[in-house]
Amino acid sequence: MKRFFLLMAILVVGVFLLSACGAESSGDAATQAQEEADEALPPTYAIGEILQLTNWEFTVTDSVAFMQRAETGGTISMVFEPTRDDRIFVAVPVEITNISGENRQMLPTRLQTPTQLTARLRYTGVDGSTNYLPIALNASVGDVIDRVIGAGNTVTGRIFFQIPPEIENSTGNLELQIRTNAGDVMGVFQLD
């Protein structure tokens, strides 16, 4: 009888140890899966940090500006207003350096090759996420869309987006994504 109880005690301890090992290994698998998912996320940058790619260096230089319209200064004044009444502009100040050995077009509105870069403004709020495309205004208001940047040159300017006005005062997250034409996100700047 003592053998029976001893055998049962060993069996219970063995089952307990095996179940603990199984839980530990599934925890390890979950941790490994989370680490792999984190590695798949594009790198994130703060304002002032540099995203370096093969041919470009990007920096968001300051906080974004929300505006009803964009105006040029000087003798001949031009005013740009959103194309829809229910939109405002958000301007993202950037510095872009062409580190390649040839002239390159920055953030073209008409992408022709999968390796060209573009930008998206992503807003994430309580109702989910929305991406906004950049809008080409004019170099006279500091717009960098469609600009050709010479080899080794740096351009400072703004990327403009049209967004709903309620985003300006929301508690959601705003980020600038630098993407390839194929849709791959190369880097994300946190704008909040």
N, C-alpha and C. Protein backbone atom coordinates (compact mmCIF):
# COMPACT_ATOMS: atom_id res chain seq x y z
N MET A 1 0.82 -1.18 0.00
CA MET A 1 0.00 0.00 0.00
C MET A 1 0.87 1.26 0.00
N LYS A 2 1.98 1.18 0.78
CA LYS A 2 2.89 2.31 0.83
C LYS A 2 3.48 2.55 -0.56
N ARG A 3 3.75 1.45 -1.25
CA ARG A 3 4.28 1.59 -2.61
C ARG A 3 3.28 2.29 -3.51
N PHE A 4 2.01 1.93 -3.33
CA PHE A 4 0.97 2.55 -4.15
C PHE A 4 0.93 4.07 -3.93
N PHE A 5 0.93 4.52 -2.68
CA PHE A 5 0.91 5.95 -2.38
C PHE A 5 2.18 6.65 -2.85
N LEU A 6 3.30 5.97 -2.69
CA LEU A 6 4.56 6.53 -3.17
C LEU A 6 4.54 6.67 -4.69
N LEU A 7 4.04 5.65 -5.37
CA LEU A 7 3.93 5.69 -6.82
C LEU A 7 2.96 6.80 -7.27
N MET A 8 1.87 6.95 -6.60
CA MET A 8 0.88 8.00 -6.91
C MET A 8 1.49 9.39 -6.67
N ALA A 9 2.23 9.55 -5.60
CA ALA A 9 2.86 10.84 -5.30
C ALA A 9 3.88 11.19 -6.38
N ILE A 10 4.67 10.21 -6.79
CA ILE A 10 5.65 10.44 -7.85
C ILE A 10 4.93 10.79 -9.15
N LEU A 11 3.83 10.09 -9.44
CA LEU A 11 3.05 10.35 -10.66
C LEU A 11 2.46 11.76 -10.64
N VAL A 12 1.92 12.19 -9.52
CA VAL A 12 1.34 13.53 -9.40
C VAL A 12 2.42 14.59 -9.56
N VAL A 13 3.55 14.41 -8.92
CA VAL A 13 4.66 15.36 -9.04
C VAL A 13 5.15 15.39 -10.49
N GLY A 14 5.24 14.23 -11.12
CA GLY A 14 5.68 14.17 -12.53
C GLY A 14 4.72 14.90 -13.45
N VAL A 15 3.42 14.70 -13.26
CA VAL A 15 2.41 15.39 -14.08
C VAL A 15 2.51 16.90 -13.85
N PHE A 16 2.67 17.29 -12.60
CA PHE A 16 2.79 18.71 -12.28
C PHE A 16 4.01 19.33 -12.96
N LEU A 17 5.15 18.63 -12.88
CA LEU A 17 6.37 19.14 -13.51
C LEU A 17 6.23 19.22 -15.03
N LEU A 18 5.62 18.21 -15.63
CA LEU A 18 5.42 18.23 -17.09
C LEU A 18 4.50 19.37 -17.52
N SER A 19 3.44 19.59 -16.76
CA SER A 19 2.54 20.69 -17.12
C SER A 19 3.22 22.03 -16.94
N ALA A 20 4.05 22.16 -15.93
CA ALA A 20 4.79 23.42 -15.73
C ALA A 20 5.77 23.64 -16.87
N CYS A 21 6.42 22.57 -17.32
CA CYS A 21 7.35 22.71 -18.45
C CYS A 21 6.60 23.08 -19.71
N GLY A 22 5.44 22.48 -19.92
CA GLY A 22 4.63 22.80 -21.09
C GLY A 22 4.20 24.25 -21.07
N ALA A 23 3.81 24.77 -19.91
CA ALA A 23 3.40 26.17 -19.83
C ALA A 23 4.57 27.08 -20.09
N GLU A 24 5.74 26.67 -19.58
CA GLU A 24 6.91 27.50 -19.79
C GLU A 24 7.28 27.55 -21.27
N SER A 25 7.22 26.41 -21.93
CA SER A 25 7.60 26.40 -23.34
C SER A 25 6.59 27.16 -24.18
N SER A 26 5.28 27.10 -23.84
CA SER A 26 4.33 27.89 -24.61
C SER A 26 4.52 29.37 -24.33
N GLY A 27 4.94 29.72 -23.10
CA GLY A 27 5.26 31.11 -22.80
C GLY A 27 6.46 31.57 -23.61
N ASP A 28 7.45 30.69 -23.72
CA ASP A 28 8.62 31.02 -24.53
C ASP A 28 8.23 31.22 -25.99
N ALA A 29 7.33 30.38 -26.49
CA ALA A 29 6.88 30.51 -27.88
C ALA A 29 6.13 31.83 -28.08
N ALA A 30 5.31 32.20 -27.10
CA ALA A 30 4.58 33.47 -27.20
C ALA A 30 5.55 34.65 -27.16
N THR A 31 6.54 34.57 -26.30
CA THR A 31 7.55 35.64 -26.21
C THR A 31 8.33 35.73 -27.52
N GLN A 32 8.71 34.58 -28.07
CA GLN A 32 9.45 34.57 -29.33
C GLN A 32 8.59 35.13 -30.46
N ALA A 33 7.31 34.79 -30.50
CA ALA A 33 6.42 35.31 -31.54
C ALA A 33 6.28 36.82 -31.42
N GLN A 34 6.20 37.34 -30.18
CA GLN A 34 6.10 38.79 -29.98
C GLN A 34 7.38 39.48 -30.41
N GLU A 35 8.54 38.88 -30.09
CA GLU A 35 9.81 39.47 -30.49
C GLU A 35 9.94 39.50 -32.01
N GLU A 36 9.49 38.43 -32.70
CA GLU A 36 9.53 38.40 -34.16
C GLU A 36 8.60 39.46 -34.74
N ALA A 37 7.42 39.65 -34.15
CA ALA A 37 6.49 40.67 -34.63
C ALA A 37 7.08 42.06 -34.43
N ASP A 38 7.75 42.29 -33.29
CA ASP A 38 8.38 43.58 -33.04
C ASP A 38 9.49 43.86 -34.05
N GLU A 39 10.26 42.81 -34.42
CA GLU A 39 11.32 42.98 -35.40
C GLU A 39 10.76 43.34 -36.77
N ALA A 40 9.55 42.89 -37.08
CA ALA A 40 8.94 43.15 -38.38
C ALA A 40 8.43 44.60 -38.49
N LEU A 41 8.25 45.27 -37.36
CA LEU A 41 7.77 46.66 -37.39
C LEU A 41 8.87 47.56 -37.92
N PRO A 42 8.48 48.61 -38.67
CA PRO A 42 9.51 49.54 -39.16
C PRO A 42 10.09 50.34 -37.99
N PRO A 43 11.32 50.83 -38.15
CA PRO A 43 11.91 51.62 -37.07
C PRO A 43 11.13 52.92 -36.85
N THR A 44 11.08 53.35 -35.60
CA THR A 44 10.36 54.56 -35.23
C THR A 44 11.35 55.63 -34.80
N TYR A 45 11.08 56.88 -35.23
CA TYR A 45 11.98 58.00 -34.96
C TYR A 45 11.20 59.13 -34.30
N ALA A 46 11.89 59.86 -33.46
CA ALA A 46 11.31 61.06 -32.83
C ALA A 46 11.68 62.27 -33.68
N ILE A 47 11.02 63.37 -33.40
CA ILE A 47 11.35 64.63 -34.08
C ILE A 47 12.82 64.94 -33.81
N GLY A 48 13.56 65.25 -34.88
CA GLY A 48 14.97 65.57 -34.77
C GLY A 48 15.90 64.40 -35.05
N GLU A 49 15.39 63.17 -35.03
CA GLU A 49 16.22 62.01 -35.33
C GLU A 49 16.28 61.79 -36.85
N ILE A 50 17.33 61.12 -37.31
CA ILE A 50 17.56 60.94 -38.75
C ILE A 50 17.22 59.51 -39.17
N LEU A 51 16.38 59.40 -40.19
CA LEU A 51 16.11 58.13 -40.86
C LEU A 51 17.04 58.08 -42.07
N GLN A 52 17.97 57.13 -42.08
CA GLN A 52 18.91 57.03 -43.19
C GLN A 52 18.56 55.81 -44.03
N LEU A 53 18.36 56.06 -45.33
CA LEU A 53 18.09 55.01 -46.30
C LEU A 53 19.23 54.97 -47.30
N THR A 54 19.13 54.13 -48.30
CA THR A 54 20.21 53.99 -49.27
C THR A 54 20.56 55.30 -49.96
N ASN A 55 19.55 56.06 -50.41
CA ASN A 55 19.80 57.29 -51.17
C ASN A 55 19.37 58.56 -50.46
N TRP A 56 18.74 58.45 -49.30
CA TRP A 56 18.15 59.62 -48.63
C TRP A 56 18.42 59.62 -47.14
N GLU A 57 18.40 60.83 -46.57
CA GLU A 57 18.33 61.01 -45.12
C GLU A 57 17.13 61.93 -44.86
N PHE A 58 16.24 61.51 -43.98
CA PHE A 58 15.05 62.29 -43.61
C PHE A 58 15.12 62.69 -42.16
N THR A 59 14.67 63.88 -41.87
CA THR A 59 14.51 64.33 -40.49
C THR A 59 13.25 65.18 -40.42
N VAL A 60 12.38 64.88 -39.46
CA VAL A 60 11.28 65.80 -39.14
C VAL A 60 11.90 66.78 -38.17
N THR A 61 11.91 68.06 -38.53
CA THR A 61 12.69 69.05 -37.79
C THR A 61 11.96 69.74 -36.65
N ASP A 62 10.63 69.69 -36.65
CA ASP A 62 9.87 70.43 -35.64
C ASP A 62 8.46 69.85 -35.55
N SER A 63 7.66 70.41 -34.66
CA SER A 63 6.27 69.98 -34.53
C SER A 63 5.48 70.36 -35.77
N VAL A 64 4.40 69.63 -36.00
CA VAL A 64 3.55 69.92 -37.16
C VAL A 64 2.77 71.21 -36.92
N ALA A 65 2.35 71.84 -38.02
CA ALA A 65 1.53 73.05 -37.95
C ALA A 65 0.20 72.77 -38.62
N PHE A 66 -0.88 73.09 -37.93
CA PHE A 66 -2.23 72.98 -38.51
C PHE A 66 -2.61 74.35 -39.04
N MET A 67 -3.17 74.41 -40.25
CA MET A 67 -3.50 75.71 -40.84
C MET A 67 -4.71 75.61 -41.76
N GLN A 68 -5.44 76.71 -41.83
CA GLN A 68 -6.60 76.79 -42.71
C GLN A 68 -6.19 76.97 -44.17
N ARG A 69 -5.04 77.63 -44.36
CA ARG A 69 -4.54 77.86 -45.72
C ARG A 69 -3.04 78.10 -45.66
N ALA A 70 -2.39 77.94 -46.80
CA ALA A 70 -0.95 78.18 -46.90
C ALA A 70 -0.75 79.38 -47.81
N GLU A 71 0.09 80.32 -47.37
CA GLU A 71 0.32 81.55 -48.14
C GLU A 71 1.80 81.75 -48.41
N THR A 72 2.09 82.33 -49.54
CA THR A 72 3.46 82.72 -49.85
C THR A 72 3.64 84.15 -49.40
N GLY A 73 4.86 84.52 -49.12
CA GLY A 73 5.15 85.90 -48.78
C GLY A 73 5.67 86.62 -50.01
N GLY A 74 6.15 87.81 -49.84
CA GLY A 74 6.78 88.52 -50.94
C GLY A 74 5.83 89.39 -51.73
N THR A 75 6.31 89.87 -52.88
CA THR A 75 5.54 90.81 -53.70
C THR A 75 4.29 90.18 -54.30
N ILE A 76 4.46 88.99 -54.82
CA ILE A 76 3.31 88.28 -55.40
C ILE A 76 2.88 87.23 -54.40
N SER A 77 1.71 87.42 -53.84
CA SER A 77 1.22 86.50 -52.83
C SER A 77 0.31 85.45 -53.46
N MET A 78 0.53 84.21 -53.07
CA MET A 78 -0.32 83.11 -53.51
C MET A 78 -0.93 82.47 -52.28
N VAL A 79 -2.20 82.10 -52.37
CA VAL A 79 -2.90 81.46 -51.26
C VAL A 79 -3.38 80.10 -51.73
N PHE A 80 -3.11 79.09 -50.92
CA PHE A 80 -3.57 77.74 -51.21
C PHE A 80 -4.53 77.33 -50.11
N GLU A 81 -5.69 76.84 -50.51
CA GLU A 81 -6.69 76.39 -49.56
C GLU A 81 -7.00 74.92 -49.83
N PRO A 82 -7.45 74.19 -48.80
CA PRO A 82 -7.80 72.79 -49.03
C PRO A 82 -8.85 72.66 -50.14
N THR A 83 -8.79 71.52 -50.82
CA THR A 83 -9.71 71.30 -51.94
C THR A 83 -11.12 70.96 -51.50
N ARG A 84 -11.29 70.68 -50.21
CA ARG A 84 -12.63 70.40 -49.68
C ARG A 84 -12.88 71.31 -48.50
N ASP A 85 -14.13 71.69 -48.30
CA ASP A 85 -14.50 72.58 -47.20
C ASP A 85 -14.30 71.93 -45.83
N ASP A 86 -14.38 70.61 -45.78
CA ASP A 86 -14.27 69.92 -44.49
C ASP A 86 -12.85 69.44 -44.20
N ARG A 87 -11.85 70.18 -44.69
CA ARG A 87 -10.45 69.81 -44.48
C ARG A 87 -9.62 71.03 -44.08
N ILE A 88 -8.51 70.75 -43.38
CA ILE A 88 -7.50 71.76 -43.10
C ILE A 88 -6.16 71.16 -43.53
N PHE A 89 -5.13 71.99 -43.58
CA PHE A 89 -3.79 71.49 -43.87
C PHE A 89 -3.07 71.15 -42.58
N VAL A 90 -2.24 70.14 -42.65
CA VAL A 90 -1.23 69.91 -41.63
C VAL A 90 0.09 69.90 -42.39
N ALA A 91 1.04 70.69 -41.90
CA ALA A 91 2.35 70.80 -42.54
C ALA A 91 3.39 70.14 -41.63
N VAL A 92 4.13 69.18 -42.19
CA VAL A 92 5.17 68.48 -41.46
C VAL A 92 6.52 69.06 -41.90
N PRO A 93 7.24 69.76 -41.02
CA PRO A 93 8.54 70.34 -41.41
C PRO A 93 9.62 69.25 -41.49
N VAL A 94 10.31 69.20 -42.62
CA VAL A 94 11.30 68.16 -42.85
C VAL A 94 12.60 68.72 -43.41
N GLU A 95 13.65 67.95 -43.25
CA GLU A 95 14.92 68.21 -43.90
C GLU A 95 15.28 66.92 -44.62
N ILE A 96 15.55 67.02 -45.92
CA ILE A 96 15.80 65.84 -46.74
C ILE A 96 17.14 66.03 -47.44
N THR A 97 18.00 65.03 -47.32
CA THR A 97 19.30 65.07 -47.97
C THR A 97 19.40 63.92 -48.97
N ASN A 98 19.83 64.27 -50.18
CA ASN A 98 20.07 63.28 -51.22
C ASN A 98 21.51 62.80 -51.06
N ILE A 99 21.70 61.58 -50.55
CA ILE A 99 23.05 61.07 -50.32
C ILE A 99 23.51 60.15 -51.45
N SER A 100 22.75 60.15 -52.55
CA SER A 100 23.15 59.34 -53.70
C SER A 100 24.10 60.15 -54.58
N GLY A 101 24.57 59.56 -55.61
CA GLY A 101 25.49 60.25 -56.52
C GLY A 101 24.79 60.87 -57.72
N GLU A 102 23.47 60.99 -57.68
CA GLU A 102 22.73 61.56 -58.82
C GLU A 102 21.53 62.37 -58.34
N ASN A 103 21.03 63.24 -59.21
CA ASN A 103 19.84 64.02 -58.88
C ASN A 103 18.65 63.07 -58.74
N ARG A 104 17.80 63.33 -57.73
CA ARG A 104 16.64 62.47 -57.49
C ARG A 104 15.42 63.31 -57.16
N GLN A 105 14.26 62.81 -57.60
CA GLN A 105 13.01 63.48 -57.30
C GLN A 105 12.50 62.97 -55.96
N MET A 106 12.19 63.94 -55.09
CA MET A 106 11.74 63.61 -53.74
C MET A 106 10.23 63.50 -53.69
N LEU A 107 9.73 62.42 -53.16
CA LEU A 107 8.31 62.21 -52.91
C LEU A 107 7.45 62.60 -54.11
N PRO A 108 7.66 61.98 -55.26
CA PRO A 108 6.87 62.36 -56.44
C PRO A 108 5.40 62.00 -56.27
N THR A 109 4.53 62.82 -56.84
CA THR A 109 3.09 62.53 -56.78
C THR A 109 2.72 61.39 -57.72
N ARG A 110 3.48 61.21 -58.78
CA ARG A 110 3.26 60.08 -59.69
C ARG A 110 4.47 59.15 -59.60
N LEU A 111 4.29 58.08 -58.88
CA LEU A 111 5.38 57.14 -58.69
C LEU A 111 5.51 56.22 -59.90
N GLN A 112 6.72 56.08 -60.40
CA GLN A 112 6.91 55.26 -61.59
C GLN A 112 7.64 53.95 -61.31
N THR A 113 8.39 53.86 -60.24
CA THR A 113 9.12 52.63 -59.96
C THR A 113 8.83 52.19 -58.53
N PRO A 114 8.92 50.89 -58.27
CA PRO A 114 8.62 50.39 -56.92
C PRO A 114 9.59 50.90 -55.86
N THR A 115 10.76 51.41 -56.26
CA THR A 115 11.74 51.84 -55.26
C THR A 115 11.64 53.32 -54.93
N GLN A 116 10.81 54.08 -55.65
CA GLN A 116 10.65 55.49 -55.30
C GLN A 116 9.95 55.60 -53.95
N LEU A 117 10.21 56.70 -53.27
CA LEU A 117 9.66 56.87 -51.93
C LEU A 117 8.48 57.83 -51.94
N THR A 118 7.60 57.64 -50.99
CA THR A 118 6.49 58.54 -50.78
C THR A 118 6.25 58.66 -49.28
N ALA A 119 5.30 59.49 -48.91
CA ALA A 119 4.99 59.69 -47.49
C ALA A 119 3.49 59.52 -47.26
N ARG A 120 3.14 59.10 -46.08
CA ARG A 120 1.75 59.02 -45.64
C ARG A 120 1.68 59.60 -44.24
N LEU A 121 0.62 60.33 -43.99
CA LEU A 121 0.33 60.78 -42.63
C LEU A 121 -0.68 59.79 -42.08
N ARG A 122 -0.37 59.17 -40.98
CA ARG A 122 -1.27 58.17 -40.39
C ARG A 122 -1.80 58.72 -39.08
N TYR A 123 -3.13 58.74 -38.99
CA TYR A 123 -3.79 59.16 -37.76
C TYR A 123 -4.45 57.93 -37.15
N THR A 124 -4.18 57.68 -35.87
CA THR A 124 -4.81 56.58 -35.16
C THR A 124 -5.57 57.16 -33.99
N GLY A 125 -6.88 56.96 -34.00
CA GLY A 125 -7.74 57.44 -32.92
C GLY A 125 -8.61 56.31 -32.39
N VAL A 126 -9.62 56.65 -31.63
CA VAL A 126 -10.48 55.63 -31.02
C VAL A 126 -11.25 54.83 -32.06
N ASP A 127 -11.48 55.41 -33.24
CA ASP A 127 -12.24 54.72 -34.28
C ASP A 127 -11.36 53.97 -35.27
N GLY A 128 -10.07 53.87 -35.00
CA GLY A 128 -9.17 53.16 -35.90
C GLY A 128 -8.15 54.08 -36.52
N SER A 129 -7.56 53.64 -37.64
CA SER A 129 -6.49 54.39 -38.30
C SER A 129 -6.90 54.82 -39.69
N THR A 130 -6.37 55.97 -40.11
CA THR A 130 -6.60 56.49 -41.46
C THR A 130 -5.28 57.03 -41.99
N ASN A 131 -5.00 56.73 -43.26
CA ASN A 131 -3.81 57.26 -43.93
C ASN A 131 -4.21 58.41 -44.84
N TYR A 132 -3.38 59.45 -44.88
CA TYR A 132 -3.61 60.60 -45.75
C TYR A 132 -2.43 60.76 -46.68
N LEU A 133 -2.71 61.02 -47.95
CA LEU A 133 -1.68 61.22 -48.97
C LEU A 133 -1.18 62.66 -48.92
N PRO A 134 0.08 62.88 -49.30
CA PRO A 134 0.57 64.25 -49.37
C PRO A 134 -0.09 64.98 -50.54
N ILE A 135 -0.15 66.28 -50.42
CA ILE A 135 -0.72 67.11 -51.49
C ILE A 135 0.36 68.07 -51.97
N ALA A 136 0.50 68.16 -53.28
CA ALA A 136 1.51 69.06 -53.86
C ALA A 136 0.93 70.46 -53.93
N LEU A 137 1.59 71.42 -53.30
CA LEU A 137 1.15 72.81 -53.37
C LEU A 137 2.10 73.57 -54.28
N ASN A 138 3.15 74.12 -53.70
CA ASN A 138 4.09 74.93 -54.47
C ASN A 138 5.35 75.12 -53.65
N ALA A 139 6.49 75.14 -54.32
CA ALA A 139 7.75 75.32 -53.60
C ALA A 139 7.81 76.65 -52.86
N SER A 140 7.02 77.63 -53.30
CA SER A 140 7.06 78.95 -52.66
C SER A 140 6.49 78.93 -51.24
N VAL A 141 5.72 77.89 -50.89
CA VAL A 141 5.25 77.76 -49.50
C VAL A 141 6.06 76.70 -48.76
N GLY A 142 7.17 76.29 -49.34
CA GLY A 142 8.06 75.34 -48.69
C GLY A 142 7.74 73.89 -48.98
N ASP A 143 6.87 73.63 -49.95
CA ASP A 143 6.46 72.27 -50.29
C ASP A 143 7.64 71.51 -50.90
N VAL A 144 7.91 70.28 -50.41
CA VAL A 144 9.02 69.48 -50.95
C VAL A 144 8.55 68.38 -51.91
N ILE A 145 7.25 68.22 -52.04
CA ILE A 145 6.71 67.19 -52.94
C ILE A 145 7.12 67.51 -54.37
N ASP A 146 7.56 66.50 -55.10
CA ASP A 146 7.96 66.60 -56.51
C ASP A 146 9.24 67.39 -56.75
N ARG A 147 9.94 67.82 -55.72
CA ARG A 147 11.17 68.59 -55.93
C ARG A 147 12.32 67.68 -56.32
N VAL A 148 13.14 68.14 -57.23
CA VAL A 148 14.35 67.42 -57.59
C VAL A 148 15.47 67.95 -56.70
N ILE A 149 16.16 67.02 -56.03
CA ILE A 149 17.24 67.39 -55.13
C ILE A 149 18.54 66.88 -55.74
N GLY A 150 19.49 67.78 -55.91
CA GLY A 150 20.77 67.42 -56.50
C GLY A 150 21.56 66.48 -55.61
N ALA A 151 22.46 65.75 -56.23
CA ALA A 151 23.31 64.81 -55.49
C ALA A 151 24.07 65.54 -54.39
N GLY A 152 23.96 65.04 -53.16
CA GLY A 152 24.66 65.63 -52.03
C GLY A 152 24.00 66.86 -51.44
N ASN A 153 22.87 67.31 -52.00
CA ASN A 153 22.20 68.52 -51.51
C ASN A 153 21.14 68.21 -50.46
N THR A 154 20.84 69.23 -49.66
CA THR A 154 19.82 69.13 -48.62
C THR A 154 18.73 70.17 -48.89
N VAL A 155 17.49 69.76 -48.71
CA VAL A 155 16.35 70.66 -48.86
C VAL A 155 15.58 70.68 -47.55
N THR A 156 15.23 71.87 -47.11
CA THR A 156 14.40 72.03 -45.92
C THR A 156 13.06 72.57 -46.39
N GLY A 157 11.98 71.99 -45.91
CA GLY A 157 10.66 72.44 -46.33
C GLY A 157 9.58 71.72 -45.55
N ARG A 158 8.40 71.60 -46.17
CA ARG A 158 7.26 70.99 -45.50
C ARG A 158 6.55 70.03 -46.44
N ILE A 159 5.97 69.00 -45.85
CA ILE A 159 5.08 68.09 -46.57
C ILE A 159 3.68 68.42 -46.09
N PHE A 160 2.78 68.72 -47.03
CA PHE A 160 1.41 69.11 -46.70
C PHE A 160 0.45 67.94 -46.88
N PHE A 161 -0.51 67.86 -45.96
CA PHE A 161 -1.58 66.87 -46.03
C PHE A 161 -2.89 67.59 -45.76
N GLN A 162 -3.98 67.09 -46.33
CA GLN A 162 -5.32 67.61 -46.01
C GLN A 162 -5.98 66.62 -45.06
N ILE A 163 -6.46 67.11 -43.93
CA ILE A 163 -7.05 66.24 -42.92
C ILE A 163 -8.34 66.86 -42.39
N PRO A 164 -9.19 66.08 -41.75
CA PRO A 164 -10.37 66.65 -41.08
C PRO A 164 -9.92 67.54 -39.92
N PRO A 165 -10.57 68.67 -39.70
CA PRO A 165 -10.13 69.61 -38.66
C PRO A 165 -10.18 69.05 -37.24
N GLU A 166 -11.04 68.07 -36.98
CA GLU A 166 -11.14 67.55 -35.61
C GLU A 166 -9.88 66.81 -35.16
N ILE A 167 -9.02 66.42 -36.10
CA ILE A 167 -7.77 65.74 -35.73
C ILE A 167 -6.85 66.69 -34.96
N GLU A 168 -6.91 67.98 -35.27
CA GLU A 168 -6.02 68.95 -34.62
C GLU A 168 -6.13 68.91 -33.09
N ASN A 169 -7.35 68.77 -32.58
CA ASN A 169 -7.57 68.81 -31.13
C ASN A 169 -7.86 67.44 -30.54
N SER A 170 -7.57 66.38 -31.27
CA SER A 170 -7.88 65.05 -30.78
C SER A 170 -6.75 64.52 -29.91
N THR A 171 -7.02 63.41 -29.27
CA THR A 171 -6.00 62.76 -28.44
C THR A 171 -5.36 61.58 -29.17
N GLY A 172 -5.64 61.45 -30.45
CA GLY A 172 -5.09 60.34 -31.22
C GLY A 172 -3.61 60.51 -31.52
N ASN A 173 -3.06 59.53 -32.19
CA ASN A 173 -1.65 59.48 -32.53
C ASN A 173 -1.45 59.89 -33.99
N LEU A 174 -0.50 60.77 -34.24
CA LEU A 174 -0.17 61.23 -35.58
C LEU A 174 1.25 60.83 -35.89
N GLU A 175 1.46 60.19 -37.07
CA GLU A 175 2.81 59.79 -37.45
C GLU A 175 3.01 59.97 -38.95
N LEU A 176 4.25 60.23 -39.32
CA LEU A 176 4.64 60.34 -40.72
C LEU A 176 5.34 59.05 -41.10
N GLN A 177 4.80 58.38 -42.13
CA GLN A 177 5.41 57.14 -42.61
C GLN A 177 6.14 57.43 -43.92
N ILE A 178 7.37 56.99 -44.01
CA ILE A 178 8.12 57.06 -45.27
C ILE A 178 8.04 55.66 -45.87
N ARG A 179 7.49 55.59 -47.11
CA ARG A 179 7.21 54.31 -47.74
C ARG A 179 7.83 54.22 -49.13
N THR A 180 7.97 52.98 -49.59
CA THR A 180 8.32 52.76 -50.99
C THR A 180 7.03 52.73 -51.79
N ASN A 181 7.14 52.85 -53.09
CA ASN A 181 5.98 52.76 -53.97
C ASN A 181 5.29 51.40 -53.82
N ALA A 182 6.03 50.38 -53.45
CA ALA A 182 5.47 49.05 -53.26
C ALA A 182 4.67 48.96 -51.95
N GLY A 183 4.70 50.01 -51.13
CA GLY A 183 3.93 50.04 -49.90
C GLY A 183 4.70 49.68 -48.64
N ASP A 184 5.97 49.33 -48.78
CA ASP A 184 6.77 48.98 -47.61
C ASP A 184 7.09 50.22 -46.79
N VAL A 185 6.81 50.19 -45.49
CA VAL A 185 7.10 51.31 -44.61
C VAL A 185 8.58 51.21 -44.20
N MET A 186 9.36 52.22 -44.56
CA MET A 186 10.80 52.22 -44.29
C MET A 186 11.13 52.83 -42.92
N GLY A 187 10.27 53.72 -42.44
CA GLY A 187 10.48 54.36 -41.16
C GLY A 187 9.27 55.18 -40.78
N VAL A 188 9.09 55.39 -39.48
CA VAL A 188 7.92 56.09 -38.95
C VAL A 188 8.40 57.17 -37.99
N PHE A 189 7.95 58.41 -38.22
CA PHE A 189 8.24 59.52 -37.31
C PHE A 189 7.01 59.78 -36.44
N GLN A 190 7.20 59.73 -35.13
CA GLN A 190 6.12 60.06 -34.20
C GLN A 190 6.00 61.58 -34.15
N LEU A 191 4.81 62.11 -34.42
CA LEU A 191 4.62 63.56 -34.50
C LEU A 191 3.94 64.15 -33.28
N ASP A 192 3.57 63.34 -32.32
CA ASP A 192 2.89 63.85 -31.11
C ASP A 192 3.87 64.32 -30.07
